[in-house]
Amino acid sequence: MEPNLDQERRQAHALLDMLPAEKLNAVRTLLEVIVEPLARSPALAPLEEEEIAPETAAAIDNSRASLHRGEGIPHEEILREFGLGQ
């Protein structure tokens, strides 16, 4: 069953009317982000799809299979590799 948009809007407006002033600004900001994310931040623009080379796709598949088999590298080992281990 499709939602009744008029009823949804009335309920949303009723909730907004119940908000204290200090929370209203936060909700307004959130709504702006939801409604127009691209207008607020170009960093949120969709990325252009880039073709993946067959070799890269194969490497990704191999990595995923390795992880699935439990052959991943422990976090502590990675930290040590970058000189961050204890």
Protein backbone atom coordinates (compact mmCIF):
# COMPACT_ATOMS: atom_id res chain seq x y z
CA MET A 1 0.00 0.00 0.00
CA GLU A 2 1.38 3.43 -0.96
CA PRO A 3 1.83 5.95 1.83
CA ASN A 4 -0.55 8.88 1.91
CA LEU A 5 1.87 11.72 1.20
CA ASP A 6 -0.50 14.42 2.45
CA GLN A 7 -0.85 12.59 5.75
CA GLU A 8 2.93 12.05 5.96
CA ARG A 9 3.51 15.77 5.38
CA ARG A 10 0.95 16.75 8.02
CA GLN A 11 2.58 14.42 10.52
CA ALA A 12 6.03 15.82 9.72
CA HIS A 13 4.76 19.39 10.11
CA ALA A 14 3.12 18.49 13.43
CA LEU A 15 6.42 17.07 14.70
CA LEU A 16 8.28 20.19 13.57
CA ASP A 17 5.79 22.35 15.41
CA MET A 18 6.52 20.41 18.61
CA LEU A 19 10.29 20.95 18.44
CA PRO A 20 11.96 23.39 20.80
CA ALA A 21 13.76 26.27 19.05
CA GLU A 22 17.26 24.89 19.74
CA LYS A 23 16.46 21.64 17.92
CA LEU A 24 14.59 23.22 15.03
CA ASN A 25 17.77 24.62 13.46
CA ALA A 26 19.41 21.17 13.54
CA VAL A 27 16.39 19.57 11.88
CA ARG A 28 16.24 22.32 9.25
CA THR A 29 19.91 21.76 8.45
CA LEU A 30 19.34 18.02 8.19
CA LEU A 31 16.40 18.55 5.85
CA GLU A 32 18.51 20.84 3.67
CA VAL A 33 21.16 18.13 3.40
CA ILE A 34 18.55 15.53 2.50
CA VAL A 35 16.79 17.72 -0.05
CA GLU A 36 19.78 19.26 -1.80
CA PRO A 37 23.00 17.45 -0.93
CA LEU A 38 24.72 18.38 -4.17
CA ALA A 39 23.91 22.06 -3.82
CA ARG A 40 25.43 22.12 -0.32
CA SER A 41 28.64 20.27 -1.07
CA PRO A 42 30.21 19.49 -4.44
CA ALA A 43 32.22 16.78 -2.65
CA LEU A 44 28.99 14.78 -2.42
CA ALA A 45 28.52 14.74 -6.19
CA PRO A 46 28.29 11.24 -7.65
CA LEU A 47 31.60 9.91 -8.82
CA GLU A 48 32.03 9.17 -12.47
CA GLU A 49 32.13 5.47 -13.14
CA GLU A 50 35.56 4.35 -14.19
CA GLU A 51 36.25 1.17 -16.08
CA ILE A 52 38.24 -1.38 -14.14
CA ALA A 53 41.02 -3.11 -16.03
CA PRO A 54 40.64 -6.90 -16.22
CA GLU A 55 43.84 -7.33 -14.18
CA THR A 56 42.50 -5.07 -11.43
CA ALA A 57 39.16 -6.87 -11.40
CA ALA A 58 40.97 -10.19 -11.07
CA ALA A 59 43.10 -8.86 -8.20
CA ILE A 60 39.98 -7.62 -6.41
CA ASP A 61 38.28 -11.00 -6.88
CA ASN A 62 41.38 -12.79 -5.56
CA SER A 63 41.52 -10.51 -2.53
CA ARG A 64 37.86 -11.06 -1.70
CA ALA A 65 38.26 -14.83 -2.05
CA SER A 66 41.31 -14.71 0.23
CA LEU A 67 39.37 -12.81 2.87
CA HIS A 68 36.46 -15.22 2.54
CA ARG A 69 38.87 -18.08 3.28
CA GLY A 70 40.09 -16.23 6.37
CA GLU A 71 43.47 -15.41 4.90
CA GLY A 72 43.37 -11.70 5.69
CA ILE A 73 46.25 -9.87 7.33
CA PRO A 74 45.72 -9.21 11.05
CA HIS A 75 45.30 -5.57 12.02
CA GLU A 76 48.31 -5.73 14.34
CA GLU A 77 50.53 -6.89 11.49
CA ILE A 78 49.45 -3.98 9.30
CA LEU A 79 50.16 -1.56 12.15
CA ARG A 80 53.65 -3.05 12.57
CA GLU A 81 54.25 -2.78 8.82
CA PHE A 82 53.56 0.95 9.00
CA GLY A 83 55.58 1.37 12.18
CA LEU A 84 52.50 1.90 14.32
CA GLY A 85 52.56 -1.35 16.27
CA GLN A 86 53.38 -1.51 19.95
